[in-house]
Amino acid sequence: MKTFIQWLLYGIPIGFINLVPGISGSNMALILGIYNELIDAIKRVKLKKLLPFILSLCLSIYLGSSIVTYFLDTYPLEANGAILGFILASAMIIIKGVQDAKARREVWIIFFLSFLIMFMFSDIISDFNSSFQAPQAITLVFVGAIASAAMLIPGISGTTVLIIFNSYELILEAVQDLNLGILLPFGIGALVGLLALAHLLSLLLKNYPNGTKAVLAGLILGSIRAFDSTWALQSVLPAVVAFLTLIAIDLLILKRN
């Protein structure tokens, strides 16, 4: 049985990884060998495990947000390149996870349709989220719920969800400044996502694994249109390094399991 200190330590790398688009905290939990135990603790609300884990997770996110914000502000081209590389790799990894060869044709059709939908409407989603200021709390609750639910699924990045809804830098700055006006509704949504939507996503992946993975991969890849259109040569190397890093992490998980 793992101790209080062990759960405290587990939250540190998982919290930092959750700040990186394209990389799922669940992947790190798999590498650490605690994924099943963590999911069980969340479903059964085992506070002896969750409290130290959440404490170190939040502290890691708070400290890590300063690092990520620094790179986004100081090296925007390189940072955007790295984020793009992570997202491309995460979409590829999800599609690669489709096991049924007979279903691959249908999977590619579903993937292409979901990609087109997200690619066509990503600007609308971003503009809507930027202009929909009056009930911002409602938007933050919704985004928090979707992001936290996605975070529990291996290979799915909750941070990528924030990018899709044009909320990534907003949440980073809110964490760094401890802006409770933003963090409280987002946190409430995240709690709802952990306790409710995660079960729905798990059910979909269990009963319709190929179709669900295709939709998720298409949505993730289609979200690249929401990125800043300013690109340069400096973006290429970080994109390649990030892409290869995430592929290496995926291979490490496969080898471990």
C-alpha atoms as a PDB file:
ATOM      1  CA  MET A   1       0.000   0.000   0.000  1.00  0.00           C
ATOM      2  CA  LYS A   2       1.388   3.365  -1.023  1.00  0.00           C
ATOM      3  CA  THR A   3       2.097   5.949   1.664  1.00  0.00           C
ATOM      4  CA  PHE A   4       1.071   9.592   2.018  1.00  0.00           C
ATOM      5  CA  ILE A   5       4.571  10.663   0.895  1.00  0.00           C
ATOM      6  CA  GLN A   6       4.423   8.431  -2.183  1.00  0.00           C
ATOM      7  CA  TRP A   7       1.119   9.927  -3.338  1.00  0.00           C
ATOM      8  CA  LEU A   8       2.546  13.373  -2.612  1.00  0.00           C
ATOM      9  CA  LEU A   9       5.502  12.643  -4.900  1.00  0.00           C
ATOM     10  CA  TYR A  10       3.355  11.150  -7.680  1.00  0.00           C
ATOM     11  CA  GLY A  11       1.445  14.406  -8.107  1.00  0.00           C
ATOM     12  CA  ILE A  12       4.573  16.416  -8.999  1.00  0.00           C
ATOM     13  CA  PRO A  13       5.458  14.947 -12.436  1.00  0.00           C
ATOM     14  CA  ILE A  14       1.807  14.410 -13.366  1.00  0.00           C
ATOM     15  CA  GLY A  15       0.968  18.027 -12.546  1.00  0.00           C
ATOM     16  CA  PHE A  16       3.810  19.383 -14.662  1.00  0.00           C
ATOM     17  CA  ILE A  17       3.045  17.055 -17.589  1.00  0.00           C
ATOM     18  CA  ASN A  18      -0.572  18.277 -17.576  1.00  0.00           C
ATOM     19  CA  LEU A  19       0.707  21.741 -18.533  1.00  0.00           C
ATOM     20  CA  VAL A  20       2.157  20.436 -21.801  1.00  0.00           C
ATOM     21  CA  PRO A  21      -0.302  20.265 -24.727  1.00  0.00           C
ATOM     22  CA  GLY A  22      -0.565  16.869 -26.370  1.00  0.00           C
ATOM     23  CA  ILE A  23       0.766  14.926 -23.369  1.00  0.00           C
ATOM     24  CA  SER A  24      -1.775  13.311 -21.072  1.00  0.00           C
ATOM     25  CA  GLY A  25      -1.236  13.148 -17.331  1.00  0.00           C
ATOM     26  CA  SER A  26      -2.667   9.648 -17.586  1.00  0.00           C
ATOM     27  CA  ASN A  27       0.323   8.654 -19.717  1.00  0.00           C
ATOM     28  CA  MET A  28       2.634   9.668 -16.890  1.00  0.00           C
ATOM     29  CA  ALA A  29       0.438   7.760 -14.424  1.00  0.00           C
ATOM     30  CA  LEU A  30       0.859   4.675 -16.633  1.00  0.00           C
ATOM     31  CA  ILE A  31       4.637   5.135 -16.686  1.00  0.00           C
ATOM     32  CA  LEU A  32       4.663   5.467 -12.882  1.00  0.00           C
ATOM     33  CA  GLY A  33       2.470   2.373 -12.605  1.00  0.00           C
ATOM     34  CA  ILE A  34      -0.360   4.019 -10.647  1.00  0.00           C
ATOM     35  CA  TYR A  35      -3.015   4.596 -13.332  1.00  0.00           C
ATOM     36  CA  ASN A  36      -5.500   1.904 -12.253  1.00  0.00           C
ATOM     37  CA  GLU A  37      -5.079   2.729  -8.576  1.00  0.00           C
ATOM     38  CA  LEU A  38      -5.547   6.448  -9.264  1.00  0.00           C
ATOM     39  CA  ILE A  39      -8.723   5.890 -11.306  1.00  0.00           C
ATOM     40  CA  ASP A  40     -10.076   3.650  -8.541  1.00  0.00           C
ATOM     41  CA  ALA A  41      -9.279   6.323  -5.932  1.00  0.00           C
ATOM     42  CA  ILE A  42     -11.149   8.954  -7.972  1.00  0.00           C
ATOM     43  CA  LYS A  43     -14.194   6.749  -8.558  1.00  0.00           C
ATOM     44  CA  ARG A  44     -14.375   5.707  -4.890  1.00  0.00           C
ATOM     45  CA  VAL A  45     -13.317   9.174  -3.598  1.00  0.00           C
ATOM     46  CA  LYS A  46     -10.477   7.777  -1.452  1.00  0.00           C
ATOM     47  CA  LEU A  47      -9.337  10.965   0.259  1.00  0.00           C
ATOM     48  CA  LYS A  48      -6.270   9.398   1.911  1.00  0.00           C
ATOM     49  CA  LYS A  49      -4.821   8.951  -1.555  1.00  0.00           C
ATOM     50  CA  LEU A  50      -6.405  11.900  -3.339  1.00  0.00           C
ATOM     51  CA  LEU A  51      -5.595  14.686  -0.855  1.00  0.00           C
ATOM     52  CA  PRO A  52      -1.768  14.378  -0.964  1.00  0.00           C
ATOM     53  CA  PHE A  53      -1.901  13.708  -4.698  1.00  0.00           C
ATOM     54  CA  ILE A  54      -4.080  16.753  -5.448  1.00  0.00           C
ATOM     55  CA  LEU A  55      -1.985  18.940  -3.115  1.00  0.00           C
ATOM     56  CA  SER A  56       1.286  18.190  -4.931  1.00  0.00           C
ATOM     57  CA  LEU A  57      -0.487  18.212  -8.314  1.00  0.00           C
ATOM     58  CA  CYS A  58      -1.778  21.757  -7.746  1.00  0.00           C
ATOM     59  CA  LEU A  59       1.586  22.942  -6.402  1.00  0.00           C
ATOM     60  CA  SER A  60       3.363  21.475  -9.425  1.00  0.00           C
ATOM     61  CA  ILE A  61       0.907  23.136 -11.824  1.00  0.00           C
ATOM     62  CA  TYR A  62       1.315  26.475 -10.003  1.00  0.00           C
ATOM     63  CA  LEU A  63       5.127  26.386 -10.160  1.00  0.00           C
ATOM     64  CA  GLY A  64       5.214  24.937 -13.667  1.00  0.00           C
ATOM     65  CA  SER A  65       2.838  27.558 -15.066  1.00  0.00           C
ATOM     66  CA  SER A  66       5.524  30.214 -14.594  1.00  0.00           C
ATOM     67  CA  ILE A  67       7.962  28.184 -16.691  1.00  0.00           C
ATOM     68  CA  VAL A  68       5.464  27.541 -19.487  1.00  0.00           C
ATOM     69  CA  THR A  69       4.297  31.180 -19.505  1.00  0.00           C
ATOM     70  CA  TYR A  70       7.915  32.349 -19.698  1.00  0.00           C
ATOM     71  CA  PHE A  71       8.579  30.270 -22.812  1.00  0.00           C
ATOM     72  CA  LEU A  72       5.289  31.324 -24.442  1.00  0.00           C
ATOM     73  CA  ASP A  73       6.115  35.003 -23.859  1.00  0.00           C
ATOM     74  CA  THR A  74       9.865  34.895 -24.576  1.00  0.00           C
ATOM     75  CA  TYR A  75      10.034  32.281 -27.331  1.00  0.00           C
ATOM     76  CA  PRO A  76       6.545  32.291 -28.914  1.00  0.00           C
ATOM     77  CA  LEU A  77       7.597  30.784 -32.256  1.00  0.00           C
ATOM     78  CA  GLU A  78       9.541  27.956 -30.660  1.00  0.00           C
ATOM     79  CA  ALA A  79       6.819  27.327 -28.054  1.00  0.00           C
ATOM     80  CA  ASN A  80       4.084  27.203 -30.708  1.00  0.00           C
ATOM     81  CA  GLY A  81       6.227  24.834 -32.745  1.00  0.00           C
ATOM     82  CA  ALA A  82       6.648  22.497 -29.777  1.00  0.00           C
ATOM     83  CA  ILE A  83       2.920  22.573 -29.015  1.00  0.00           C
ATOM     84  CA  LEU A  84       2.106  21.764 -32.641  1.00  0.00           C
ATOM     85  CA  GLY A  85       4.520  18.825 -32.554  1.00  0.00           C
ATOM     86  CA  PHE A  86       2.906  17.456 -29.400  1.00  0.00           C
ATOM     87  CA  ILE A  87      -0.581  17.758 -30.900  1.00  0.00           C
ATOM     88  CA  LEU A  88       0.353  16.066 -34.187  1.00  0.00           C
ATOM     89  CA  ALA A  89       1.972  13.197 -32.296  1.00  0.00           C
ATOM     90  CA  SER A  90      -0.953  12.772 -29.900  1.00  0.00           C
ATOM     91  CA  ALA A  91      -3.429  12.530 -32.803  1.00  0.00           C
ATOM     92  CA  MET A  92      -1.237   9.931 -34.519  1.00  0.00           C
ATOM     93  CA  ILE A  93      -0.869   7.879 -31.327  1.00  0.00           C
ATOM     94  CA  ILE A  94      -4.635   7.778 -30.788  1.00  0.00           C
ATOM     95  CA  ILE A  95      -5.311   6.624 -34.361  1.00  0.00           C
ATOM     96  CA  LYS A  96      -2.530   4.040 -34.024  1.00  0.00           C
ATOM     97  CA  GLY A  97      -4.430   2.613 -31.065  1.00  0.00           C
ATOM     98  CA  VAL A  98      -7.238   1.342 -33.305  1.00  0.00           C
ATOM     99  CA  GLN A  99      -6.928  -2.446 -33.089  1.00  0.00           C
ATOM    100  CA  ASP A 100      -9.582  -3.769 -35.483  1.00  0.00           C
ATOM    101  CA  ALA A 101      -8.130  -3.798 -39.010  1.00  0.00           C
ATOM    102  CA  LYS A 102     -11.582  -4.383 -40.532  1.00  0.00           C
ATOM    103  CA  ALA A 103     -12.816  -1.167 -38.960  1.00  0.00           C
ATOM    104  CA  ARG A 104      -9.973   1.001 -40.240  1.00  0.00           C
ATOM    105  CA  ARG A 105     -11.887   2.250 -43.299  1.00  0.00           C
ATOM    106  CA  GLU A 106     -14.817   3.407 -41.159  1.00  0.00           C
ATOM    107  CA  VAL A 107     -12.369   4.825 -38.620  1.00  0.00           C
ATOM    108  CA  TRP A 108     -10.621   6.946 -41.242  1.00  0.00           C
ATOM    109  CA  ILE A 109     -13.979   8.269 -42.486  1.00  0.00           C
ATOM    110  CA  ILE A 110     -14.998   9.215 -38.934  1.00  0.00           C
ATOM    111  CA  PHE A 111     -11.559  10.720 -38.314  1.00  0.00           C
ATOM    112  CA  PHE A 112     -11.702  12.812 -41.506  1.00  0.00           C
ATOM    113  CA  LEU A 113     -15.223  14.085 -40.766  1.00  0.00           C
ATOM    114  CA  SER A 114     -14.391  15.064 -37.175  1.00  0.00           C
ATOM    115  CA  PHE A 115     -11.190  16.730 -38.405  1.00  0.00           C
ATOM    116  CA  LEU A 116     -13.123  18.768 -40.989  1.00  0.00           C
ATOM    117  CA  ILE A 117     -15.739  19.812 -38.444  1.00  0.00           C
ATOM    118  CA  MET A 118     -13.136  20.989 -35.934  1.00  0.00           C
ATOM    119  CA  PHE A 119     -10.946  22.612 -38.592  1.00  0.00           C
ATOM    120  CA  MET A 120     -13.903  24.536 -40.039  1.00  0.00           C
ATOM    121  CA  PHE A 121     -15.351  25.590 -36.702  1.00  0.00           C
ATOM    122  CA  SER A 122     -12.232  26.068 -34.549  1.00  0.00           C
ATOM    123  CA  ASP A 123     -12.127  29.794 -35.330  1.00  0.00           C
ATOM    124  CA  ILE A 124     -15.817  30.084 -34.463  1.00  0.00           C
ATOM    125  CA  ILE A 125     -15.271  28.265 -31.167  1.00  0.00           C
ATOM    126  CA  SER A 126     -12.288  30.478 -30.309  1.00  0.00           C
ATOM    127  CA  ASP A 127     -14.071  33.702 -31.291  1.00  0.00           C
ATOM    128  CA  PHE A 128     -17.200  32.634 -29.415  1.00  0.00           C
ATOM    129  CA  ASN A 129     -15.220  31.896 -26.274  1.00  0.00           C
ATOM    130  CA  SER A 130     -13.345  35.204 -26.549  1.00  0.00           C
ATOM    131  CA  SER A 131     -16.469  37.321 -27.045  1.00  0.00           C
ATOM    132  CA  PHE A 132     -18.788  35.438 -24.696  1.00  0.00           C
ATOM    133  CA  GLN A 133     -17.709  37.430 -21.652  1.00  0.00           C
ATOM    134  CA  ALA A 134     -20.942  37.975 -19.693  1.00  0.00           C
ATOM    135  CA  PRO A 135     -21.454  34.445 -18.369  1.00  0.00           C
ATOM    136  CA  GLN A 136     -17.724  33.623 -18.507  1.00  0.00           C
ATOM    137  CA  ALA A 137     -18.082  31.465 -15.403  1.00  0.00           C
ATOM    138  CA  ILE A 138     -20.435  29.115 -17.274  1.00  0.00           C
ATOM    139  CA  THR A 139     -17.941  28.784 -20.119  1.00  0.00           C
ATOM    140  CA  LEU A 140     -15.126  28.044 -17.663  1.00  0.00           C
ATOM    141  CA  VAL A 141     -17.192  25.375 -15.891  1.00  0.00           C
ATOM    142  CA  PHE A 142     -17.874  23.694 -19.236  1.00  0.00           C
ATOM    143  CA  VAL A 143     -14.241  23.851 -20.394  1.00  0.00           C
ATOM    144  CA  GLY A 144     -12.994  22.630 -17.000  1.00  0.00           C
ATOM    145  CA  ALA A 145     -15.325  19.630 -17.112  1.00  0.00           C
ATOM    146  CA  ILE A 146     -14.280  18.581 -20.627  1.00  0.00           C
ATOM    147  CA  ALA A 147     -10.566  19.135 -19.957  1.00  0.00           C
ATOM    148  CA  SER A 148     -10.472  17.170 -16.695  1.00  0.00           C
ATOM    149  CA  ALA A 149     -12.481  14.279 -18.137  1.00  0.00           C
ATOM    150  CA  ALA A 150     -10.143  14.100 -21.133  1.00  0.00           C
ATOM    151  CA  MET A 151      -7.128  14.199 -18.819  1.00  0.00           C
ATOM    152  CA  LEU A 152      -8.089  10.830 -17.311  1.00  0.00           C
ATOM    153  CA  ILE A 153      -8.006   9.029 -20.665  1.00  0.00           C
ATOM    154  CA  PRO A 154      -4.522   7.795 -21.651  1.00  0.00           C
ATOM    155  CA  GLY A 155      -3.341   9.569 -24.783  1.00  0.00           C
ATOM    156  CA  ILE A 156      -5.864  12.414 -24.491  1.00  0.00           C
ATOM    157  CA  SER A 157      -4.507  15.761 -23.302  1.00  0.00           C
ATOM    158  CA  GLY A 158      -6.728  18.026 -21.229  1.00  0.00           C
ATOM    159  CA  THR A 159      -4.471  20.932 -22.150  1.00  0.00           C
ATOM    160  CA  THR A 160      -5.270  20.403 -25.823  1.00  0.00           C
ATOM    161  CA  VAL A 161      -8.937  20.893 -24.933  1.00  0.00           C
ATOM    162  CA  LEU A 162      -8.000  24.276 -23.448  1.00  0.00           C
ATOM    163  CA  ILE A 163      -6.280  25.217 -26.715  1.00  0.00           C
ATOM    164  CA  ILE A 164      -9.342  24.209 -28.741  1.00  0.00           C
ATOM    165  CA  PHE A 165     -11.490  26.538 -26.616  1.00  0.00           C
ATOM    166  CA  ASN A 166      -8.881  29.323 -26.688  1.00  0.00           C
ATOM    167  CA  SER A 167      -8.458  29.078 -22.910  1.00  0.00           C
ATOM    168  CA  TYR A 168      -4.914  27.737 -22.514  1.00  0.00           C
ATOM    169  CA  GLU A 169      -3.074  31.004 -21.842  1.00  0.00           C
ATOM    170  CA  LEU A 170      -6.050  32.350 -19.859  1.00  0.00           C
ATOM    171  CA  ILE A 171      -5.867  29.425 -17.419  1.00  0.00           C
ATOM    172  CA  LEU A 172      -2.052  29.563 -17.258  1.00  0.00           C
ATOM    173  CA  GLU A 173      -2.124  33.245 -16.312  1.00  0.00           C
ATOM    174  CA  ALA A 174      -4.943  32.640 -13.824  1.00  0.00           C
ATOM    175  CA  VAL A 175      -2.898  29.912 -12.118  1.00  0.00           C
ATOM    176  CA  GLN A 176       0.184  32.106 -12.045  1.00  0.00           C
ATOM    177  CA  ASP A 177      -1.750  35.081 -10.608  1.00  0.00           C
ATOM    178  CA  LEU A 178      -4.029  32.921  -8.405  1.00  0.00           C
ATOM    179  CA  ASN A 179      -7.049  34.575 -10.052  1.00  0.00           C
ATOM    180  CA  LEU A 180      -9.914  32.935  -8.146  1.00  0.00           C
ATOM    181  CA  GLY A 181     -12.521  34.567 -10.387  1.00  0.00           C
ATOM    182  CA  ILE A 182     -11.306  32.267 -13.152  1.00  0.00           C
ATOM    183  CA  LEU A 183      -9.943  29.333 -11.152  1.00  0.00           C
ATOM    184  CA  LEU A 184     -13.054  28.690  -9.021  1.00  0.00           C
ATOM    185  CA  PRO A 185     -15.539  28.083 -11.879  1.00  0.00           C
ATOM    186  CA  PHE A 186     -12.873  26.202 -13.820  1.00  0.00           C
ATOM    187  CA  GLY A 187     -12.142  24.070 -10.738  1.00  0.00           C
ATOM    188  CA  ILE A 188     -15.836  23.332 -10.207  1.00  0.00           C
ATOM    189  CA  GLY A 189     -16.094  22.188 -13.808  1.00  0.00           C
ATOM    190  CA  ALA A 190     -12.955  20.079 -13.421  1.00  0.00           C
ATOM    191  CA  LEU A 191     -14.476  18.351 -10.386  1.00  0.00           C
ATOM    192  CA  VAL A 192     -17.661  17.628 -12.332  1.00  0.00           C
ATOM    193  CA  GLY A 193     -15.573  16.256 -15.184  1.00  0.00           C
ATOM    194  CA  LEU A 194     -13.588  13.982 -12.884  1.00  0.00           C
ATOM    195  CA  LEU A 195     -16.660  12.560 -11.158  1.00  0.00           C
ATOM    196  CA  ALA A 196     -19.114  12.382 -14.057  1.00  0.00           C
ATOM    197  CA  LEU A 197     -17.852  12.879 -17.601  1.00  0.00           C
ATOM    198  CA  ALA A 198     -14.848  10.616 -17.065  1.00  0.00           C
ATOM    199  CA  HIS A 199     -17.251   7.703 -16.588  1.00  0.00           C
ATOM    200  CA  LEU A 200     -19.004   8.614 -19.861  1.00  0.00           C
ATOM    201  CA  LEU A 201     -15.734   8.792 -21.796  1.00  0.00           C
ATOM    202  CA  SER A 202     -14.609   5.495 -20.277  1.00  0.00           C
ATOM    203  CA  LEU A 203     -17.924   3.923 -21.303  1.00  0.00           C
ATOM    204  CA  LEU A 204     -17.604   5.188 -24.877  1.00  0.00           C
ATOM    205  CA  LEU A 205     -14.028   3.958 -25.148  1.00  0.00           C
ATOM    206  CA  LYS A 206     -15.056   0.575 -23.762  1.00  0.00           C
ATOM    207  CA  ASN A 207     -18.086   0.042 -26.020  1.00  0.00           C
ATOM    208  CA  TYR A 208     -17.084   2.045 -29.124  1.00  0.00           C
ATOM    209  CA  PRO A 209     -13.275   2.210 -28.907  1.00  0.00           C
ATOM    210  CA  ASN A 210     -12.467   2.651 -32.600  1.00  0.00           C
ATOM    211  CA  GLY A 211     -15.078   5.304 -33.365  1.00  0.00           C
ATOM    212  CA  THR A 212     -14.386   7.229 -30.156  1.00  0.00           C
ATOM    213  CA  LYS A 213     -10.635   7.284 -30.786  1.00  0.00           C
ATOM    214  CA  ALA A 214     -11.213   8.434 -34.372  1.00  0.00           C
ATOM    215  CA  VAL A 215     -13.425  11.315 -33.237  1.00  0.00           C
ATOM    216  CA  LEU A 216     -10.947  12.377 -30.531  1.00  0.00           C
ATOM    217  CA  ALA A 217      -7.974  12.245 -32.914  1.00  0.00           C
ATOM    218  CA  GLY A 218      -9.852  14.232 -35.570  1.00  0.00           C
ATOM    219  CA  LEU A 219     -10.889  16.914 -33.092  1.00  0.00           C
ATOM    220  CA  ILE A 220      -7.351  17.197 -31.741  1.00  0.00           C
ATOM    221  CA  LEU A 221      -5.762  17.482 -35.188  1.00  0.00           C
ATOM    222  CA  GLY A 222      -8.425  19.912 -36.405  1.00  0.00           C
ATOM    223  CA  SER A 223      -7.659  22.231 -33.501  1.00  0.00           C
ATOM    224  CA  ILE A 224      -4.346  23.293 -35.097  1.00  0.00           C
ATOM    225  CA  ARG A 225      -6.246  25.995 -36.989  1.00  0.00           C
ATOM    226  CA  ALA A 226      -6.767  27.811 -33.686  1.00  0.00           C
ATOM    227  CA  PHE A 227      -3.010  28.441 -33.480  1.00  0.00           C
ATOM    228  CA  ASP A 228      -1.291  31.707 -34.211  1.00  0.00           C
ATOM    229  CA  SER A 229      -0.687  31.781 -37.969  1.00  0.00           C
ATOM    230  CA  THR A 230       2.751  33.413 -37.530  1.00  0.00           C
ATOM    231  CA  TRP A 231       5.333  30.721 -38.202  1.00  0.00           C
ATOM    232  CA  ALA A 232       9.035  30.747 -38.976  1.00  0.00           C
ATOM    233  CA  LEU A 233      12.009  28.413 -39.281  1.00  0.00           C
ATOM    234  CA  GLN A 234      12.479  28.600 -35.503  1.00  0.00           C
ATOM    235  CA  SER A 235       9.224  26.667 -35.089  1.00  0.00           C
ATOM    236  CA  VAL A 236      10.331  23.621 -37.090  1.00  0.00           C
ATOM    237  CA  LEU A 237      13.001  22.110 -34.813  1.00  0.00           C
ATOM    238  CA  PRO A 238      10.899  22.387 -31.609  1.00  0.00           C
ATOM    239  CA  ALA A 239       7.969  20.827 -33.479  1.00  0.00           C
ATOM    240  CA  VAL A 240      10.094  17.870 -34.606  1.00  0.00           C
ATOM    241  CA  VAL A 241      11.662  17.397 -31.155  1.00  0.00           C
ATOM    242  CA  ALA A 242       8.268  17.555 -29.427  1.00  0.00           C
ATOM    243  CA  PHE A 243       6.780  15.107 -31.942  1.00  0.00           C
ATOM    244  CA  LEU A 244       9.600  12.583 -31.459  1.00  0.00           C
ATOM    245  CA  THR A 245       9.520  13.024 -27.666  1.00  0.00           C
ATOM    246  CA  LEU A 246       5.848  12.145 -27.452  1.00  0.00           C
ATOM    247  CA  ILE A 247       6.324   9.150 -29.768  1.00  0.00           C
ATOM    248  CA  ALA A 248       9.176   7.979 -27.498  1.00  0.00           C
ATOM    249  CA  ILE A 249       6.940   8.325 -24.424  1.00  0.00           C
ATOM    250  CA  ASP A 250       4.271   6.247 -26.149  1.00  0.00           C
ATOM    251  CA  LEU A 251       6.815   3.527 -26.969  1.00  0.00           C
ATOM    252  CA  LEU A 252       7.990   3.572 -23.342  1.00  0.00           C
ATOM    253  CA  ILE A 253       4.421   3.027 -22.149  1.00  0.00           C
ATOM    254  CA  LEU A 254       3.925   0.145 -24.605  1.00  0.00           C
ATOM    255  CA  LYS A 255       7.182  -1.457 -23.469  1.00  0.00           C
ATOM    256  CA  ARG A 256       6.256  -1.102 -19.796  1.00  0.00           C
ATOM    257  CA  ASN A 257       2.810  -2.629 -20.352  1.00  0.00           C
END
